[in-house]
PDB file of N, CA and C in Angstrom:
ATOM      1  N   MET A   1     -85.925 -85.916  -4.923  1.00  0.00           N
ATOM      2  CA  MET A   1     -86.336 -84.463  -4.875  1.00  0.00           C
ATOM      3  C   MET A   1     -84.941 -84.419  -5.653  1.00  0.00           C
ATOM      4  N   HIS A   2     -84.893 -83.061  -6.246  1.00  0.00           N
ATOM      5  CA  HIS A   2     -83.924 -82.281  -6.791  1.00  0.00           C
ATOM      6  C   HIS A   2     -83.647 -81.191  -6.362  1.00  0.00           C
ATOM      7  N   CYS A   3     -82.893 -80.770  -5.137  1.00  0.00           N
ATOM      8  CA  CYS A   3     -82.426 -79.313  -4.649  1.00  0.00           C
ATOM      9  C   CYS A   3     -81.215 -78.724  -5.395  1.00  0.00           C
ATOM     10  N   ILE A   4     -81.791 -77.266  -5.673  1.00  0.00           N
ATOM     11  CA  ILE A   4     -80.862 -76.343  -6.193  1.00  0.00           C
ATOM     12  C   ILE A   4     -80.725 -75.035  -5.432  1.00  0.00           C
ATOM     13  N   THR A   5     -80.096 -74.762  -5.155  1.00  0.00           N
ATOM     14  CA  THR A   5     -79.710 -73.279  -4.514  1.00  0.00           C
ATOM     15  C   THR A   5     -78.909 -72.507  -4.957  1.00  0.00           C
ATOM     16  N   VAL A   6     -79.025 -71.140  -5.268  1.00  0.00           N
ATOM     17  CA  VAL A   6     -78.310 -70.069  -5.774  1.00  0.00           C
ATOM     18  C   VAL A   6     -78.220 -68.715  -4.714  1.00  0.00           C
ATOM     19  N   ARG A   7     -77.002 -68.403  -5.273  1.00  0.00           N
ATOM     20  CA  ARG A   7     -76.187 -67.578  -4.358  1.00  0.00           C
ATOM     21  C   ARG A   7     -76.532 -66.362  -5.192  1.00  0.00           C
ATOM     22  N   PHE A   8     -76.939 -64.803  -5.200  1.00  0.00           N
ATOM     23  CA  PHE A   8     -76.799 -63.968  -6.048  1.00  0.00           C
ATOM     24  C   PHE A   8     -76.240 -62.796  -5.723  1.00  0.00           C
ATOM     25  N   GLU A   9     -75.355 -62.445  -6.136  1.00  0.00           N
ATOM     26  CA  GLU A   9     -74.900 -60.621  -5.464  1.00  0.00           C
ATOM     27  C   GLU A   9     -74.974 -59.930  -6.772  1.00  0.00           C
ATOM     28  N   ILE A  10     -75.926 -58.723  -6.489  1.00  0.00           N
ATOM     29  CA  ILE A  10     -76.200 -58.146  -7.278  1.00  0.00           C
ATOM     30  C   ILE A  10     -75.592 -56.628  -7.464  1.00  0.00           C
ATOM     31  N   ARG A  11     -75.290 -56.137  -8.315  1.00  0.00           N
ATOM     32  CA  ARG A  11     -74.966 -54.533  -8.343  1.00  0.00           C
ATOM     33  C   ARG A  11     -75.698 -53.646  -7.800  1.00  0.00           C
ATOM     34  N   PRO A  12     -75.203 -52.651  -6.767  1.00  0.00           N
ATOM     35  CA  PRO A  12     -75.761 -51.772  -6.064  1.00  0.00           C
ATOM     36  C   PRO A  12     -76.340 -50.898  -7.407  1.00  0.00           C
ATOM     37  N   GLY A  13     -77.719 -50.585  -7.027  1.00  0.00           N
ATOM     38  CA  GLY A  13     -78.803 -49.791  -7.761  1.00  0.00           C
ATOM     39  C   GLY A  13     -79.872 -50.838  -8.511  1.00  0.00           C
ATOM     40  N   ARG A  14     -79.637 -51.833  -8.274  1.00  0.00           N
ATOM     41  CA  ARG A  14     -80.140 -52.865  -9.151  1.00  0.00           C
ATOM     42  C   ARG A  14     -80.893 -54.003  -8.451  1.00  0.00           C
ATOM     43  N   GLU A  15     -80.855 -53.578  -7.304  1.00  0.00           N
ATOM     44  CA  GLU A  15     -81.666 -54.390  -6.458  1.00  0.00           C
ATOM     45  C   GLU A  15     -83.131 -54.686  -6.258  1.00  0.00           C
ATOM     46  N   GLN A  16     -83.935 -53.591  -6.895  1.00  0.00           N
ATOM     47  CA  GLN A  16     -85.279 -53.386  -6.583  1.00  0.00           C
ATOM     48  C   GLN A  16     -85.572 -54.246  -8.005  1.00  0.00           C
ATOM     49  N   ALA A  17     -84.748 -53.847  -9.074  1.00  0.00           N
ATOM     50  CA  ALA A  17     -85.295 -54.575 -10.337  1.00  0.00           C
ATOM     51  C   ALA A  17     -85.258 -55.963 -10.258  1.00  0.00           C
ATOM     52  N   PHE A  18     -83.755 -56.678  -9.690  1.00  0.00           N
ATOM     53  CA  PHE A  18     -83.748 -57.617  -9.672  1.00  0.00           C
ATOM     54  C   PHE A  18     -84.343 -58.720  -8.603  1.00  0.00           C
ATOM     55  N   ARG A  19     -84.837 -57.713  -7.632  1.00  0.00           N
ATOM     56  CA  ARG A  19     -86.384 -58.453  -6.562  1.00  0.00           C
ATOM     57  C   ARG A  19     -87.526 -58.910  -7.473  1.00  0.00           C
ATOM     58  N   ALA A  20     -87.612 -57.883  -8.153  1.00  0.00           N
ATOM     59  CA  ALA A  20     -89.009 -58.245  -8.887  1.00  0.00           C
ATOM     60  C   ALA A  20     -88.651 -59.295  -9.972  1.00  0.00           C
ATOM     61  N   ALA A  21     -87.691 -59.178 -10.838  1.00  0.00           N
ATOM     62  CA  ALA A  21     -87.642 -60.113 -11.291  1.00  0.00           C
ATOM     63  C   ALA A  21     -87.512 -61.768 -11.030  1.00  0.00           C
ATOM     64  N   VAL A  22     -86.711 -61.525 -10.078  1.00  0.00           N
ATOM     65  CA  VAL A  22     -86.459 -63.084  -9.086  1.00  0.00           C
ATOM     66  C   VAL A  22     -87.847 -63.653  -9.001  1.00  0.00           C
ATOM     67  N   VAL A  23     -88.619 -62.633  -8.233  1.00  0.00           N
ATOM     68  CA  VAL A  23     -90.119 -63.292  -7.544  1.00  0.00           C
ATOM     69  C   VAL A  23     -91.198 -63.532  -8.920  1.00  0.00           C
ATOM     70  N   ALA A  24     -90.856 -62.732  -9.580  1.00  0.00           N
ATOM     71  CA  ALA A  24     -92.007 -63.260 -10.685  1.00  0.00           C
ATOM     72  C   ALA A  24     -91.372 -64.492 -11.499  1.00  0.00           C
ATOM     73  N   ASN A  25     -90.119 -65.174 -11.738  1.00  0.00           N
ATOM     74  CA  ASN A  25     -89.734 -65.923 -12.163  1.00  0.00           C
ATOM     75  C   ASN A  25     -89.966 -67.159 -11.210  1.00  0.00           C
ATOM     76  N   ALA A  26     -89.891 -66.905  -9.729  1.00  0.00           N
ATOM     77  CA  ALA A  26     -90.063 -68.253  -8.750  1.00  0.00           C
ATOM     78  C   ALA A  26     -91.570 -68.528  -9.180  1.00  0.00           C
ATOM     79  N   ARG A  27     -92.284 -67.225  -8.936  1.00  0.00           N
ATOM     80  CA  ARG A  27     -93.918 -67.493  -9.366  1.00  0.00           C
ATOM     81  C   ARG A  27     -94.553 -67.921 -10.873  1.00  0.00           C
ATOM     82  N   GLN A  28     -94.172 -68.057 -11.738  1.00  0.00           N
ATOM     83  CA  GLN A  28     -94.320 -68.564 -13.103  1.00  0.00           C
ATOM     84  C   GLN A  28     -93.362 -69.947 -12.949  1.00  0.00           C
ATOM     85  N   SER A  29     -92.417 -70.268 -12.372  1.00  0.00           N
ATOM     86  CA  SER A  29     -91.630 -71.355 -12.334  1.00  0.00           C
ATOM     87  C   SER A  29     -93.006 -72.432 -11.446  1.00  0.00           C
ATOM     88  N   LEU A  30     -93.915 -71.982 -10.206  1.00  0.00           N
ATOM     89  CA  LEU A  30     -94.393 -72.599  -9.529  1.00  0.00           C
ATOM     90  C   LEU A  30     -95.750 -72.746 -10.235  1.00  0.00           C
ATOM     91  N   HIS A  31     -95.961 -71.956 -10.952  1.00  0.00           N
ATOM     92  CA  HIS A  31     -97.215 -71.923 -11.496  1.00  0.00           C
ATOM     93  C   HIS A  31     -97.538 -72.906 -12.773  1.00  0.00           C
ATOM     94  N   SER A  32     -96.364 -72.559 -13.255  1.00  0.00           N
ATOM     95  CA  SER A  32     -96.416 -73.394 -15.068  1.00  0.00           C
ATOM     96  C   SER A  32     -95.407 -74.609 -14.766  1.00  0.00           C
ATOM     97  N   GLU A  33     -94.590 -75.111 -14.149  1.00  0.00           N
ATOM     98  CA  GLU A  33     -94.159 -76.130 -14.497  1.00  0.00           C
ATOM     99  C   GLU A  33     -94.368 -77.466 -13.231  1.00  0.00           C
ATOM    100  N   PRO A  34     -95.105 -78.613 -13.508  1.00  0.00           N
ATOM    101  CA  PRO A  34     -95.372 -79.026 -12.921  1.00  0.00           C
ATOM    102  C   PRO A  34     -94.572 -80.040 -12.360  1.00  0.00           C
ATOM    103  N   GLY A  35     -92.675 -80.198 -12.566  1.00  0.00           N
ATOM    104  CA  GLY A  35     -92.077 -80.360 -11.459  1.00  0.00           C
ATOM    105  C   GLY A  35     -91.470 -79.827 -10.824  1.00  0.00           C
ATOM    106  N   CYS A  36     -91.716 -78.221 -10.446  1.00  0.00           N
ATOM    107  CA  CYS A  36     -91.053 -77.127  -9.235  1.00  0.00           C
ATOM    108  C   CYS A  36     -92.154 -77.767  -8.181  1.00  0.00           C
ATOM    109  N   ARG A  37     -91.718 -77.985  -7.223  1.00  0.00           N
ATOM    110  CA  ARG A  37     -92.279 -77.719  -6.010  1.00  0.00           C
ATOM    111  C   ARG A  37     -91.910 -76.863  -5.170  1.00  0.00           C
ATOM    112  N   VAL A  38     -90.872 -76.303  -5.273  1.00  0.00           N
ATOM    113  CA  VAL A  38     -90.377 -75.122  -4.080  1.00  0.00           C
ATOM    114  C   VAL A  38     -89.561 -74.181  -4.649  1.00  0.00           C
ATOM    115  N   PHE A  39     -89.790 -72.742  -4.992  1.00  0.00           N
ATOM    116  CA  PHE A  39     -89.205 -71.647  -5.305  1.00  0.00           C
ATOM    117  C   PHE A  39     -89.067 -70.934  -4.228  1.00  0.00           C
ATOM    118  N   ASP A  40     -87.948 -70.698  -3.258  1.00  0.00           N
ATOM    119  CA  ASP A  40     -88.084 -69.617  -2.650  1.00  0.00           C
ATOM    120  C   ASP A  40     -87.449 -68.621  -2.811  1.00  0.00           C
ATOM    121  N   VAL A  41     -87.448 -67.571  -2.308  1.00  0.00           N
ATOM    122  CA  VAL A  41     -86.469 -66.314  -2.749  1.00  0.00           C
ATOM    123  C   VAL A  41     -86.009 -65.464  -1.544  1.00  0.00           C
ATOM    124  N   GLY A  42     -84.819 -65.219  -1.030  1.00  0.00           N
ATOM    125  CA  GLY A  42     -84.864 -64.693  -0.147  1.00  0.00           C
ATOM    126  C   GLY A  42     -83.776 -63.558  -0.116  1.00  0.00           C
ATOM    127  N   VAL A  43     -83.641 -62.808   0.729  1.00  0.00           N
ATOM    128  CA  VAL A  43     -82.415 -61.465   0.874  1.00  0.00           C
ATOM    129  C   VAL A  43     -81.749 -61.151   2.244  1.00  0.00           C
ATOM    130  N   ASP A  44     -80.478 -60.872   1.624  1.00  0.00           N
ATOM    131  CA  ASP A  44     -79.892 -60.575   3.054  1.00  0.00           C
ATOM    132  C   ASP A  44     -80.067 -59.250   3.957  1.00  0.00           C
ATOM    133  N   ALA A  45     -79.549 -58.967   5.062  1.00  0.00           N
ATOM    134  CA  ALA A  45     -80.031 -57.517   5.274  1.00  0.00           C
ATOM    135  C   ALA A  45     -78.973 -56.451   4.811  1.00  0.00           C
ATOM    136  N   THR A  46     -78.084 -56.720   3.754  1.00  0.00           N
ATOM    137  CA  THR A  46     -77.786 -55.526   3.076  1.00  0.00           C
ATOM    138  C   THR A  46     -78.637 -55.585   1.930  1.00  0.00           C
ATOM    139  N   GLY A  47     -79.386 -56.440   1.706  1.00  0.00           N
ATOM    140  CA  GLY A  47     -80.146 -55.956  -0.060  1.00  0.00           C
ATOM    141  C   GLY A  47     -79.381 -56.125  -1.060  1.00  0.00           C
ATOM    142  N   HIS A  48     -78.224 -56.795  -1.181  1.00  0.00           N
ATOM    143  CA  HIS A  48     -77.552 -57.129  -2.177  1.00  0.00           C
ATOM    144  C   HIS A  48     -77.463 -58.396  -2.569  1.00  0.00           C
ATOM    145  N   ALA A  49     -77.555 -59.196  -1.655  1.00  0.00           N
ATOM    146  CA  ALA A  49     -77.402 -60.647  -1.746  1.00  0.00           C
ATOM    147  C   ALA A  49     -78.765 -61.675  -1.582  1.00  0.00           C
ATOM    148  N   PHE A  50     -78.785 -62.264  -2.997  1.00  0.00           N
ATOM    149  CA  PHE A  50     -80.372 -62.814  -2.901  1.00  0.00           C
ATOM    150  C   PHE A  50     -79.720 -64.719  -2.794  1.00  0.00           C
ATOM    151  N   PHE A  51     -80.677 -65.366  -2.429  1.00  0.00           N
ATOM    152  CA  PHE A  51     -80.882 -66.799  -1.932  1.00  0.00           C
ATOM    153  C   PHE A  51     -81.885 -67.810  -2.796  1.00  0.00           C
ATOM    154  N   LEU A  52     -81.782 -68.253  -3.856  1.00  0.00           N
ATOM    155  CA  LEU A  52     -82.722 -69.186  -4.475  1.00  0.00           C
ATOM    156  C   LEU A  52     -82.589 -70.498  -3.802  1.00  0.00           C
ATOM    157  N   TYR A  53     -84.053 -71.337  -3.537  1.00  0.00           N
ATOM    158  CA  TYR A  53     -83.899 -72.499  -2.633  1.00  0.00           C
ATOM    159  C   TYR A  53     -85.172 -73.214  -3.669  1.00  0.00           C
ATOM    160  N   GLU A  54     -84.386 -74.168  -4.569  1.00  0.00           N
ATOM    161  CA  GLU A  54     -85.886 -75.173  -5.420  1.00  0.00           C
ATOM    162  C   GLU A  54     -85.436 -76.104  -5.359  1.00  0.00           C
ATOM    163  N   LEU A  55     -87.014 -76.546  -5.144  1.00  0.00           N
ATOM    164  CA  LEU A  55     -87.057 -78.369  -5.289  1.00  0.00           C
ATOM    165  C   LEU A  55     -87.880 -78.825  -6.450  1.00  0.00           C
ATOM    166  N   TYR A  56     -86.917 -79.920  -7.349  1.00  0.00           N
ATOM    167  CA  TYR A  56     -87.744 -80.617  -8.255  1.00  0.00           C
ATOM    168  C   TYR A  56     -88.248 -81.801  -7.894  1.00  0.00           C
ATOM    169  N   ASP A  57     -89.095 -82.081  -8.948  1.00  0.00           N
ATOM    170  CA  ASP A  57     -89.025 -83.266  -8.875  1.00  0.00           C
ATOM    171  C   ASP A  57     -87.923 -84.507  -9.231  1.00  0.00           C
ATOM    172  N   ASP A  58     -86.984 -83.950  -9.811  1.00  0.00           N
ATOM    173  CA  ASP A  58     -85.786 -84.841 -10.314  1.00  0.00           C
ATOM    174  C   ASP A  58     -85.296 -83.808 -11.529  1.00  0.00           C
ATOM    175  N   GLU A  59     -83.829 -84.408 -11.803  1.00  0.00           N
ATOM    176  CA  GLU A  59     -82.727 -83.669 -12.548  1.00  0.00           C
ATOM    177  C   GLU A  59     -83.544 -83.591 -13.781  1.00  0.00           C
ATOM    178  N   ALA A  60     -84.792 -84.143 -14.230  1.00  0.00           N
ATOM    179  CA  ALA A  60     -85.308 -83.921 -15.768  1.00  0.00           C
ATOM    180  C   ALA A  60     -85.898 -82.667 -15.454  1.00  0.00           C
ATOM    181  N   ALA A  61     -86.991 -82.766 -14.238  1.00  0.00           N
ATOM    182  CA  ALA A  61     -87.510 -81.330 -13.918  1.00  0.00           C
ATOM    183  C   ALA A  61     -86.718 -80.389 -14.020  1.00  0.00           C
ATOM    184  N   PHE A  62     -85.874 -80.162 -13.260  1.00  0.00           N
ATOM    185  CA  PHE A  62     -84.854 -78.680 -13.471  1.00  0.00           C
ATOM    186  C   PHE A  62     -84.266 -78.496 -14.705  1.00  0.00           C
ATOM    187  N   ALA A  63     -83.851 -79.695 -15.494  1.00  0.00           N
ATOM    188  CA  ALA A  63     -83.010 -78.929 -17.069  1.00  0.00           C
ATOM    189  C   ALA A  63     -84.530 -78.948 -17.641  1.00  0.00           C
ATOM    190  N   ALA A  64     -85.783 -79.227 -17.484  1.00  0.00           N
ATOM    191  CA  ALA A  64     -86.801 -78.852 -18.373  1.00  0.00           C
ATOM    192  C   ALA A  64     -87.054 -77.134 -17.492  1.00  0.00           C
ATOM    193  N   HIS A  65     -86.714 -76.641 -16.740  1.00  0.00           N
ATOM    194  CA  HIS A  65     -87.022 -75.475 -16.247  1.00  0.00           C
ATOM    195  C   HIS A  65     -85.965 -74.375 -16.887  1.00  0.00           C
ATOM    196  N   LEU A  66     -84.713 -74.768 -17.211  1.00  0.00           N
ATOM    197  CA  LEU A  66     -83.988 -74.073 -17.611  1.00  0.00           C
ATOM    198  C   LEU A  66     -84.502 -73.712 -19.175  1.00  0.00           C
ATOM    199  N   GLN A  67     -85.012 -74.753 -19.634  1.00  0.00           N
ATOM    200  CA  GLN A  67     -85.259 -74.243 -21.043  1.00  0.00           C
ATOM    201  C   GLN A  67     -86.417 -73.521 -21.118  1.00  0.00           C
ATOM    202  N   THR A  68     -87.051 -73.079 -20.475  1.00  0.00           N
ATOM    203  CA  THR A  68     -89.088 -72.586 -20.214  1.00  0.00           C
ATOM    204  C   THR A  68     -88.549 -71.152 -20.453  1.00  0.00           C
ATOM    205  N   THR A  69     -89.223 -70.489 -21.350  1.00  0.00           N
ATOM    206  CA  THR A  69     -89.229 -69.283 -21.836  1.00  0.00           C
ATOM    207  C   THR A  69     -89.215 -68.320 -21.091  1.00  0.00           C
ATOM    208  N   HIS A  70     -89.865 -68.266 -19.304  1.00  0.00           N
ATOM    209  CA  HIS A  70     -89.574 -67.283 -18.328  1.00  0.00           C
ATOM    210  C   HIS A  70     -88.456 -67.388 -17.803  1.00  0.00           C
ATOM    211  N   PHE A  71     -87.417 -68.820 -17.486  1.00  0.00           N
ATOM    212  CA  PHE A  71     -86.526 -68.603 -17.263  1.00  0.00           C
ATOM    213  C   PHE A  71     -85.300 -68.176 -17.991  1.00  0.00           C
ATOM    214  N   LYS A  72     -85.261 -68.230 -19.343  1.00  0.00           N
ATOM    215  CA  LYS A  72     -84.401 -67.690 -20.259  1.00  0.00           C
ATOM    216  C   LYS A  72     -84.216 -65.699 -20.570  1.00  0.00           C
ATOM    217  N   ALA A  73     -85.943 -65.626 -20.233  1.00  0.00           N
ATOM    218  CA  ALA A  73     -86.046 -64.248 -20.228  1.00  0.00           C
ATOM    219  C   ALA A  73     -85.839 -63.640 -19.042  1.00  0.00           C
ATOM    220  N   PHE A  74     -85.880 -64.480 -17.609  1.00  0.00           N
ATOM    221  CA  PHE A  74     -85.225 -63.595 -16.649  1.00  0.00           C
ATOM    222  C   PHE A  74     -83.716 -63.373 -16.498  1.00  0.00           C
ATOM    223  N   ASP A  75     -83.046 -64.496 -17.025  1.00  0.00           N
ATOM    224  CA  ASP A  75     -82.087 -65.034 -16.825  1.00  0.00           C
ATOM    225  C   ASP A  75     -80.867 -63.989 -17.770  1.00  0.00           C
ATOM    226  N   SER A  76     -81.369 -63.474 -19.055  1.00  0.00           N
ATOM    227  CA  SER A  76     -81.095 -62.750 -19.750  1.00  0.00           C
ATOM    228  C   SER A  76     -81.687 -61.504 -19.360  1.00  0.00           C
ATOM    229  N   GLU A  77     -82.382 -60.893 -18.912  1.00  0.00           N
ATOM    230  CA  GLU A  77     -82.788 -59.458 -18.253  1.00  0.00           C
ATOM    231  C   GLU A  77     -81.727 -59.546 -17.059  1.00  0.00           C
ATOM    232  N   VAL A  78     -81.526 -60.141 -15.985  1.00  0.00           N
ATOM    233  CA  VAL A  78     -80.878 -60.099 -15.089  1.00  0.00           C
ATOM    234  C   VAL A  78     -79.002 -60.073 -15.260  1.00  0.00           C
ATOM    235  N   ALA A  79     -79.072 -60.876 -15.735  1.00  0.00           N
ATOM    236  CA  ALA A  79     -77.546 -60.566 -16.202  1.00  0.00           C
ATOM    237  C   ALA A  79     -76.486 -59.560 -16.081  1.00  0.00           C
ATOM    238  N   PRO A  80     -76.526 -58.549 -16.594  1.00  0.00           N
ATOM    239  CA  PRO A  80     -76.173 -57.059 -16.623  1.00  0.00           C
ATOM    240  C   PRO A  80     -76.006 -56.801 -15.064  1.00  0.00           C
ATOM    241  N   TRP A  81     -77.036 -56.801 -14.177  1.00  0.00           N
ATOM    242  CA  TRP A  81     -76.966 -56.586 -12.940  1.00  0.00           C
ATOM    243  C   TRP A  81     -76.498 -57.593 -11.484  1.00  0.00           C
ATOM    244  N   VAL A  82     -76.087 -58.653 -12.491  1.00  0.00           N
ATOM    245  CA  VAL A  82     -75.157 -59.855 -11.256  1.00  0.00           C
ATOM    246  C   VAL A  82     -73.607 -59.722 -11.394  1.00  0.00           C
ATOM    247  N   LEU A  83     -73.093 -59.300 -10.021  1.00  0.00           N
ATOM    248  CA  LEU A  83     -71.831 -59.538  -9.616  1.00  0.00           C
ATOM    249  C   LEU A  83     -71.226 -60.931  -9.620  1.00  0.00           C
ATOM    250  N   SER A  84     -71.826 -61.786  -8.767  1.00  0.00           N
ATOM    251  CA  SER A  84     -71.730 -63.149  -8.789  1.00  0.00           C
ATOM    252  C   SER A  84     -72.838 -63.757  -8.923  1.00  0.00           C
ATOM    253  N   LYS A  85     -72.392 -65.422  -9.271  1.00  0.00           N
ATOM    254  CA  LYS A  85     -73.635 -66.210  -8.971  1.00  0.00           C
ATOM    255  C   LYS A  85     -73.171 -67.404  -8.747  1.00  0.00           C
ATOM    256  N   ALA A  86     -73.634 -68.460  -7.865  1.00  0.00           N
ATOM    257  CA  ALA A  86     -73.453 -69.936  -7.292  1.00  0.00           C
ATOM    258  C   ALA A  86     -74.318 -70.501  -7.500  1.00  0.00           C
ATOM    259  N   VAL A  87     -74.395 -71.629  -8.261  1.00  0.00           N
ATOM    260  CA  VAL A  87     -75.258 -72.360  -8.374  1.00  0.00           C
ATOM    261  C   VAL A  87     -74.618 -73.888  -7.687  1.00  0.00           C
ATOM    262  N   HIS A  88     -75.799 -74.876  -7.068  1.00  0.00           N
ATOM    263  CA  HIS A  88     -75.378 -75.884  -6.141  1.00  0.00           C
ATOM    264  C   HIS A  88     -76.474 -76.509  -6.678  1.00  0.00           C
ATOM    265  N   ALA A  89     -76.243 -77.724  -7.015  1.00  0.00           N
ATOM    266  CA  ALA A  89     -77.453 -79.060  -7.018  1.00  0.00           C
ATOM    267  C   ALA A  89     -76.965 -79.891  -5.663  1.00  0.00           C
ATOM    268  N   TRP A  90     -77.992 -80.237  -5.244  1.00  0.00           N
ATOM    269  CA  TRP A  90     -77.980 -81.117  -3.486  1.00  0.00           C
ATOM    270  C   TRP A  90     -78.954 -82.916  -4.105  1.00  0.00           C
ATOM    271  N   SER A  91     -78.176 -83.820  -3.638  1.00  0.00           N
ATOM    272  CA  SER A  91     -79.043 -84.711  -3.712  1.00  0.00           C
ATOM    273  C   SER A  91     -79.481 -85.018  -2.136  1.00  0.00           C
ATOM    274  N   ARG A  92     -80.925 -85.559  -1.984  1.00  0.00           N
ATOM    275  CA  ARG A  92     -81.287 -85.833  -0.579  1.00  0.00           C
ATOM    276  C   ARG A  92     -80.545 -87.476  -0.528  1.00  0.00           C
ATOM    277  N   LEU A  93     -79.905 -87.449   0.973  1.00  0.00           N
ATOM    278  CA  LEU A  93     -79.322 -88.727   1.363  1.00  0.00           C
ATOM    279  C   LEU A  93     -81.117 -89.425   2.007  1.00  0.00           C
ATOM    280  N   GLU A  94     -80.529 -90.761   1.830  1.00  0.00           N
ATOM    281  CA  GLU A  94     -81.636 -91.949   2.132  1.00  0.00           C
ATOM    282  C   GLU A  94     -81.263 -92.455   3.345  1.00  0.00           C
TER     283      GLU A  94
END
């Protein structure tokens, strides 16, 4: 498994739009990408910070995710709303 975590901080006033866009992206990823096994979205108590937890079969499946039409549309749509974004890749210890 290849794990990706992403933390977003969103501009005030754009939280609801971001929430809708990120949930739609997660659902589309799970529905249309065979290598995407988990795509969970969380939000903190302030409503300004979002956390994504994604599991893919391998690095190639994640690379394929980044090339999908739905991811590119999501990334472009939300870019102006994002104050910060931290992406981390994790490997499973055996």
